[in-house]
Amino acid sequence: IGYSFAFGLVLTAQFGRTPLQAASLTFIG
């Protein structure tokens, strides 16, 4: 649950992904 909540935020904050780019990945895990 912790990673589920945080994964998208890490992608945007640490790797500079846009909301659409992050959302396209966050659901897979």
PDB file of all heavy atoms in Angstrom:
ATOM      1  N   ILE A   1       0.833  -1.203   0.000  1.00  0.00           N
ATOM      2  CA  ILE A   1       0.000   0.000   0.000  1.00  0.00           C
ATOM      3  C   ILE A   1       0.867   1.251   0.000  1.00  0.00           C
ATOM      4  O   ILE A   1       0.537   2.257  -0.643  1.00  0.00           O
ATOM      5  CB  ILE A   1      -0.996  -0.017   1.183  1.00  0.00           C
ATOM      6  CG1 ILE A   1      -2.141   0.970   0.927  1.00  0.00           C
ATOM      7  CG2 ILE A   1      -0.322   0.268   2.512  1.00  0.00           C
ATOM      8  CD1 ILE A   1      -3.016   0.608  -0.252  1.00  0.00           C
ATOM      9  N   GLY A   2       2.001   1.212   0.699  1.00  0.00           N
ATOM     10  CA  GLY A   2       2.887   2.372   0.710  1.00  0.00           C
ATOM     11  C   GLY A   2       3.456   2.675  -0.659  1.00  0.00           C
ATOM     12  O   GLY A   2       3.456   3.820  -1.119  1.00  0.00           O
ATOM     13  N   TYR A   3       3.938   1.654  -1.350  1.00  0.00           N
ATOM     14  CA  TYR A   3       4.476   1.849  -2.700  1.00  0.00           C
ATOM     15  C   TYR A   3       3.372   2.234  -3.691  1.00  0.00           C
ATOM     16  O   TYR A   3       3.607   3.018  -4.608  1.00  0.00           O
ATOM     17  CB  TYR A   3       5.175   0.575  -3.185  1.00  0.00           C
ATOM     18  CG  TYR A   3       6.406   0.197  -2.410  1.00  0.00           C
ATOM     19  CD1 TYR A   3       6.766  -1.140  -2.236  1.00  0.00           C
ATOM     20  CD2 TYR A   3       7.230   1.168  -1.840  1.00  0.00           C
ATOM     21  CE1 TYR A   3       7.907  -1.496  -1.529  1.00  0.00           C
ATOM     22  CE2 TYR A   3       8.363   0.825  -1.139  1.00  0.00           C
ATOM     23  CZ  TYR A   3       8.702  -0.515  -0.973  1.00  0.00           C
ATOM     24  OH  TYR A   3       9.831  -0.855  -0.271  1.00  0.00           O
ATOM     25  N   SER A   4       2.178   1.666  -3.505  1.00  0.00           N
ATOM     26  CA  SER A   4       1.063   2.018  -4.390  1.00  0.00           C
ATOM     27  C   SER A   4       0.749   3.496  -4.311  1.00  0.00           C
ATOM     28  O   SER A   4       0.479   4.150  -5.325  1.00  0.00           O
ATOM     29  CB  SER A   4      -0.177   1.189  -4.026  1.00  0.00           C
ATOM     30  OG  SER A   4       0.037  -0.185  -4.228  1.00  0.00           O
ATOM     31  N   PHE A   5       0.759   4.025  -3.083  1.00  0.00           N
ATOM     32  CA  PHE A   5       0.477   5.451  -2.892  1.00  0.00           C
ATOM     33  C   PHE A   5       1.608   6.326  -3.412  1.00  0.00           C
ATOM     34  O   PHE A   5       1.382   7.425  -3.906  1.00  0.00           O
ATOM     35  CB  PHE A   5       0.269   5.737  -1.397  1.00  0.00           C
ATOM     36  CG  PHE A   5      -1.060   5.290  -0.852  1.00  0.00           C
ATOM     37  CD1 PHE A   5      -1.921   4.497  -1.592  1.00  0.00           C
ATOM     38  CD2 PHE A   5      -1.449   5.664   0.422  1.00  0.00           C
ATOM     39  CE1 PHE A   5      -3.136   4.088  -1.085  1.00  0.00           C
ATOM     40  CE2 PHE A   5      -2.676   5.265   0.946  1.00  0.00           C
ATOM     41  CZ  PHE A   5      -3.521   4.469   0.190  1.00  0.00           C
ATOM     42  N   ALA A   6       2.852   5.838  -3.279  1.00  0.00           N
ATOM     43  CA  ALA A   6       4.011   6.704  -3.507  1.00  0.00           C
ATOM     44  C   ALA A   6       4.611   6.619  -4.904  1.00  0.00           C
ATOM     45  O   ALA A   6       5.320   7.552  -5.327  1.00  0.00           O
ATOM     46  CB  ALA A   6       5.102   6.361  -2.480  1.00  0.00           C
ATOM     47  N   PHE A   7       4.380   5.546  -5.641  1.00  0.00           N
ATOM     48  CA  PHE A   7       5.100   5.286  -6.881  1.00  0.00           C
ATOM     49  C   PHE A   7       4.970   6.441  -7.877  1.00  0.00           C
ATOM     50  O   PHE A   7       5.961   6.939  -8.440  1.00  0.00           O
ATOM     51  CB  PHE A   7       4.605   3.982  -7.500  1.00  0.00           C
ATOM     52  CG  PHE A   7       5.417   3.487  -8.661  1.00  0.00           C
ATOM     53  CD1 PHE A   7       6.784   3.709  -8.734  1.00  0.00           C
ATOM     54  CD2 PHE A   7       4.811   2.776  -9.683  1.00  0.00           C
ATOM     55  CE1 PHE A   7       7.535   3.241  -9.799  1.00  0.00           C
ATOM     56  CE2 PHE A   7       5.550   2.300 -10.766  1.00  0.00           C
ATOM     57  CZ  PHE A   7       6.913   2.533 -10.816  1.00  0.00           C
ATOM     58  N   GLY A   8       3.745   6.892  -8.106  1.00  0.00           N
ATOM     59  CA  GLY A   8       3.537   7.987  -9.056  1.00  0.00           C
ATOM     60  C   GLY A   8       4.215   9.270  -8.620  1.00  0.00           C
ATOM     61  O   GLY A   8       4.773  10.009  -9.450  1.00  0.00           O
ATOM     62  N   LEU A   9       4.197   9.547  -7.316  1.00  0.00           N
ATOM     63  CA  LEU A   9       4.834  10.760  -6.807  1.00  0.00           C
ATOM     64  C   LEU A   9       6.350  10.701  -6.987  1.00  0.00           C
ATOM     65  O   LEU A   9       6.990  11.707  -7.312  1.00  0.00           O
ATOM     66  CB  LEU A   9       4.487  10.943  -5.325  1.00  0.00           C
ATOM     67  CG  LEU A   9       3.021  11.260  -5.018  1.00  0.00           C
ATOM     68  CD1 LEU A   9       2.785  11.300  -3.511  1.00  0.00           C
ATOM     69  CD2 LEU A   9       2.605  12.578  -5.648  1.00  0.00           C
ATOM     70  N   VAL A  10       6.940   9.503  -6.781  1.00  0.00           N
ATOM     71  CA  VAL A  10       8.383   9.361  -6.983  1.00  0.00           C
ATOM     72  C   VAL A  10       8.742   9.580  -8.454  1.00  0.00           C
ATOM     73  O   VAL A  10       9.734  10.242  -8.787  1.00  0.00           O
ATOM     74  CB  VAL A  10       8.864   7.978  -6.505  1.00  0.00           C
ATOM     75  CG1 VAL A  10      10.334   7.766  -6.863  1.00  0.00           C
ATOM     76  CG2 VAL A  10       8.672   7.834  -4.996  1.00  0.00           C
ATOM     77  N   LEU A  11       7.930   9.041  -9.350  1.00  0.00           N
ATOM     78  CA  LEU A  11       8.202   9.197 -10.779  1.00  0.00           C
ATOM     79  C   LEU A  11       8.173  10.664 -11.206  1.00  0.00           C
ATOM     80  O   LEU A  11       8.991  11.104 -12.022  1.00  0.00           O
ATOM     81  CB  LEU A  11       7.187   8.401 -11.603  1.00  0.00           C
ATOM     82  CG  LEU A  11       7.308   6.867 -11.534  1.00  0.00           C
ATOM     83  CD1 LEU A  11       6.174   6.219 -12.312  1.00  0.00           C
ATOM     84  CD2 LEU A  11       8.652   6.405 -12.069  1.00  0.00           C
ATOM     85  N   THR A  12       7.237  11.437 -10.646  1.00  0.00           N
ATOM     86  CA  THR A  12       7.161  12.853 -11.019  1.00  0.00           C
ATOM     87  C   THR A  12       8.229  13.680 -10.310  1.00  0.00           C
ATOM     88  O   THR A  12       8.843  14.562 -10.921  1.00  0.00           O
ATOM     89  CB  THR A  12       5.762  13.430 -10.698  1.00  0.00           C
ATOM     90  OG1 THR A  12       5.460  13.216  -9.310  1.00  0.00           O
ATOM     91  CG2 THR A  12       4.698  12.762 -11.537  1.00  0.00           C
ATOM     92  N   ALA A  13       8.480  13.400  -9.032  1.00  0.00           N
ATOM     93  CA  ALA A  13       9.397  14.233  -8.247  1.00  0.00           C
ATOM     94  C   ALA A  13      10.861  13.896  -8.496  1.00  0.00           C
ATOM     95  O   ALA A  13      11.718  14.786  -8.534  1.00  0.00           O
ATOM     96  CB  ALA A  13       9.080  14.100  -6.755  1.00  0.00           C
ATOM     97  N   GLN A  14      11.197  12.599  -8.665  1.00  0.00           N
ATOM     98  CA  GLN A  14      12.593  12.201  -8.797  1.00  0.00           C
ATOM     99  C   GLN A  14      13.016  12.035 -10.252  1.00  0.00           C
ATOM    100  O   GLN A  14      14.173  12.310 -10.595  1.00  0.00           O
ATOM    101  CB  GLN A  14      12.842  10.895  -8.035  1.00  0.00           C
ATOM    102  CG  GLN A  14      14.310  10.442  -8.057  1.00  0.00           C
ATOM    103  CD  GLN A  14      14.573   9.306  -7.081  1.00  0.00           C
ATOM    104  OE1 GLN A  14      13.869   9.149  -6.099  1.00  0.00           O
ATOM    105  NE2 GLN A  14      15.586   8.514  -7.354  1.00  0.00           N
ATOM    106  N   PHE A  15      12.107  11.582 -11.095  1.00  0.00           N
ATOM    107  CA  PHE A  15      12.464  11.308 -12.482  1.00  0.00           C
ATOM    108  C   PHE A  15      11.827  12.270 -13.481  1.00  0.00           C
ATOM    109  O   PHE A  15      11.987  12.105 -14.695  1.00  0.00           O
ATOM    110  CB  PHE A  15      12.094   9.864 -12.847  1.00  0.00           C
ATOM    111  CG  PHE A  15      12.961   8.837 -12.171  1.00  0.00           C
ATOM    112  CD1 PHE A  15      12.589   8.277 -10.961  1.00  0.00           C
ATOM    113  CD2 PHE A  15      14.175   8.455 -12.726  1.00  0.00           C
ATOM    114  CE1 PHE A  15      13.388   7.340 -10.324  1.00  0.00           C
ATOM    115  CE2 PHE A  15      14.987   7.526 -12.101  1.00  0.00           C
ATOM    116  CZ  PHE A  15      14.598   6.972 -10.896  1.00  0.00           C
ATOM    117  N   GLY A  16      11.117  13.292 -12.983  1.00  0.00           N
ATOM    118  CA  GLY A  16      10.610  14.345 -13.843  1.00  0.00           C
ATOM    119  C   GLY A  16       9.555  13.916 -14.844  1.00  0.00           C
ATOM    120  O   GLY A  16       9.379  14.554 -15.881  1.00  0.00           O
ATOM    121  N   ARG A  17       8.808  12.846 -14.535  1.00  0.00           N
ATOM    122  CA  ARG A  17       7.751  12.414 -15.450  1.00  0.00           C
ATOM    123  C   ARG A  17       6.559  13.357 -15.373  1.00  0.00           C
ATOM    124  O   ARG A  17       6.249  13.919 -14.323  1.00  0.00           O
ATOM    125  CB  ARG A  17       7.259  11.010 -15.117  1.00  0.00           C
ATOM    126  CG  ARG A  17       8.299   9.903 -15.171  1.00  0.00           C
ATOM    127  CD  ARG A  17       8.848   9.706 -16.582  1.00  0.00           C
ATOM    128  NE  ARG A  17      10.050  10.504 -16.799  1.00  0.00           N
ATOM    129  CZ  ARG A  17      10.708  10.563 -17.953  1.00  0.00           C
ATOM    130  NH1 ARG A  17      10.270   9.887 -19.002  1.00  0.00           N
ATOM    131  NH2 ARG A  17      11.799  11.295 -18.058  1.00  0.00           N
ATOM    132  N   THR A  18       5.869  13.566 -16.492  1.00  0.00           N
ATOM    133  CA  THR A  18       4.641  14.355 -16.505  1.00  0.00           C
ATOM    134  C   THR A  18       3.529  13.536 -15.857  1.00  0.00           C
ATOM    135  O   THR A  18       3.644  12.312 -15.701  1.00  0.00           O
ATOM    136  CB  THR A  18       4.228  14.708 -17.937  1.00  0.00           C
ATOM    137  OG1 THR A  18       3.853  13.492 -18.621  1.00  0.00           O
ATOM    138  CG2 THR A  18       5.361  15.400 -18.683  1.00  0.00           C
ATOM    139  N   PRO A  19       2.391  14.183 -15.463  1.00  0.00           N
ATOM    140  CA  PRO A  19       1.281  13.411 -14.891  1.00  0.00           C
ATOM    141  C   PRO A  19       0.828  12.262 -15.783  1.00  0.00           C
ATOM    142  O   PRO A  19       0.566  11.162 -15.299  1.00  0.00           O
ATOM    143  CB  PRO A  19       0.190  14.466 -14.718  1.00  0.00           C
ATOM    144  CG  PRO A  19       0.930  15.736 -14.492  1.00  0.00           C
ATOM    145  CD  PRO A  19       2.138  15.637 -15.378  1.00  0.00           C
ATOM    146  N   LEU A  20       0.739  12.491 -17.090  1.00  0.00           N
ATOM    147  CA  LEU A  20       0.295  11.439 -18.000  1.00  0.00           C
ATOM    148  C   LEU A  20       1.323  10.318 -18.068  1.00  0.00           C
ATOM    149  O   LEU A  20       0.968   9.121 -18.053  1.00  0.00           O
ATOM    150  CB  LEU A  20       0.050  12.009 -19.398  1.00  0.00           C
ATOM    151  CG  LEU A  20      -0.437  11.005 -20.457  1.00  0.00           C
ATOM    152  CD1 LEU A  20      -1.745  10.354 -20.006  1.00  0.00           C
ATOM    153  CD2 LEU A  20      -0.604  11.693 -21.810  1.00  0.00           C
ATOM    154  N   GLN A  21       2.614  10.673 -18.129  1.00  0.00           N
ATOM    155  CA  GLN A  21       3.662   9.648 -18.165  1.00  0.00           C
ATOM    156  C   GLN A  21       3.665   8.818 -16.879  1.00  0.00           C
ATOM    157  O   GLN A  21       3.817   7.589 -16.916  1.00  0.00           O
ATOM    158  CB  GLN A  21       5.021  10.306 -18.374  1.00  0.00           C
ATOM    159  CG  GLN A  21       5.221  10.883 -19.765  1.00  0.00           C
ATOM    160  CD  GLN A  21       6.480  11.742 -19.865  1.00  0.00           C
ATOM    161  OE1 GLN A  21       6.918  12.345 -18.877  1.00  0.00           O
ATOM    162  NE2 GLN A  21       7.065  11.811 -21.059  1.00  0.00           N
ATOM    163  N   ALA A  22       3.511   9.491 -15.733  1.00  0.00           N
ATOM    164  CA  ALA A  22       3.490   8.774 -14.455  1.00  0.00           C
ATOM    165  C   ALA A  22       2.260   7.875 -14.357  1.00  0.00           C
ATOM    166  O   ALA A  22       2.353   6.709 -13.955  1.00  0.00           O
ATOM    167  CB  ALA A  22       3.513   9.769 -13.297  1.00  0.00           C
ATOM    168  N   ALA A  23       1.087   8.411 -14.742  1.00  0.00           N
ATOM    169  CA  ALA A  23      -0.151   7.638 -14.647  1.00  0.00           C
ATOM    170  C   ALA A  23      -0.120   6.420 -15.545  1.00  0.00           C
ATOM    171  O   ALA A  23      -0.758   5.398 -15.249  1.00  0.00           O
ATOM    172  CB  ALA A  23      -1.343   8.527 -15.006  1.00  0.00           C
ATOM    173  N   SER A  24       0.632   6.493 -16.660  1.00  0.00           N
ATOM    174  CA  SER A  24       0.699   5.349 -17.571  1.00  0.00           C
ATOM    175  C   SER A  24       1.499   4.197 -16.995  1.00  0.00           C
ATOM    176  O   SER A  24       1.477   3.090 -17.537  1.00  0.00           O
ATOM    177  CB  SER A  24       1.313   5.792 -18.907  1.00  0.00           C
ATOM    178  OG  SER A  24       2.677   6.143 -18.748  1.00  0.00           O
ATOM    179  N   LEU A  25       2.212   4.433 -15.872  1.00  0.00           N
ATOM    180  CA  LEU A  25       3.043   3.406 -15.257  1.00  0.00           C
ATOM    181  C   LEU A  25       2.570   2.973 -13.871  1.00  0.00           C
ATOM    182  O   LEU A  25       2.792   1.827 -13.468  1.00  0.00           O
ATOM    183  CB  LEU A  25       4.486   3.913 -15.142  1.00  0.00           C
ATOM    184  CG  LEU A  25       5.219   4.206 -16.454  1.00  0.00           C
ATOM    185  CD1 LEU A  25       6.509   4.965 -16.167  1.00  0.00           C
ATOM    186  CD2 LEU A  25       5.520   2.917 -17.201  1.00  0.00           C
ATOM    187  N   THR A  26       1.927   3.883 -13.151  1.00  0.00           N
ATOM    188  CA  THR A  26       1.665   3.623 -11.733  1.00  0.00           C
ATOM    189  C   THR A  26       0.739   2.442 -11.485  1.00  0.00           C
ATOM    190  O   THR A  26       0.860   1.761 -10.466  1.00  0.00           O
ATOM    191  CB  THR A  26       1.075   4.864 -11.056  1.00  0.00           C
ATOM    192  OG1 THR A  26      -0.067   5.310 -11.804  1.00  0.00           O
ATOM    193  CG2 THR A  26       2.085   5.985 -10.960  1.00  0.00           C
ATOM    194  N   PHE A  27      -0.198   2.171 -12.381  1.00  0.00           N
ATOM    195  CA  PHE A  27      -1.179   1.118 -12.134  1.00  0.00           C
ATOM    196  C   PHE A  27      -0.604  -0.281 -12.326  1.00  0.00           C
ATOM    197  O   PHE A  27      -1.169  -1.261 -11.807  1.00  0.00           O
ATOM    198  CB  PHE A  27      -2.392   1.296 -13.057  1.00  0.00           C
ATOM    199  CG  PHE A  27      -2.141   0.916 -14.492  1.00  0.00           C
ATOM    200  CD1 PHE A  27      -2.420  -0.359 -14.939  1.00  0.00           C
ATOM    201  CD2 PHE A  27      -1.599   1.837 -15.382  1.00  0.00           C
ATOM    202  CE1 PHE A  27      -2.186  -0.716 -16.255  1.00  0.00           C
ATOM    203  CE2 PHE A  27      -1.364   1.493 -16.699  1.00  0.00           C
ATOM    204  CZ  PHE A  27      -1.649   0.201 -17.139  1.00  0.00           C
ATOM    205  N   ILE A  28       0.513  -0.421 -13.051  1.00  0.00           N
ATOM    206  CA  ILE A  28       1.011  -1.746 -13.407  1.00  0.00           C
ATOM    207  C   ILE A  28       1.425  -2.537 -12.166  1.00  0.00           C
ATOM    208  O   ILE A  28       1.031  -3.705 -11.993  1.00  0.00           O
ATOM    209  CB  ILE A  28       2.203  -1.631 -14.382  1.00  0.00           C
ATOM    210  CG1 ILE A  28       1.767  -0.942 -15.672  1.00  0.00           C
ATOM    211  CG2 ILE A  28       2.776  -3.014 -14.683  1.00  0.00           C
ATOM    212  CD1 ILE A  28       2.915  -0.634 -16.628  1.00  0.00           C
ATOM    213  N   GLY A  29       2.213  -1.936 -11.288  1.00  0.00           N
ATOM    214  CA  GLY A  29       2.676  -2.638 -10.097  1.00  0.00           C
ATOM    215  C   GLY A  29       1.544  -3.065  -9.178  1.00  0.00           C
ATOM    216  O   GLY A  29       1.455  -4.246  -8.815  1.00  0.00           O
TER     217      GLY A  29
END
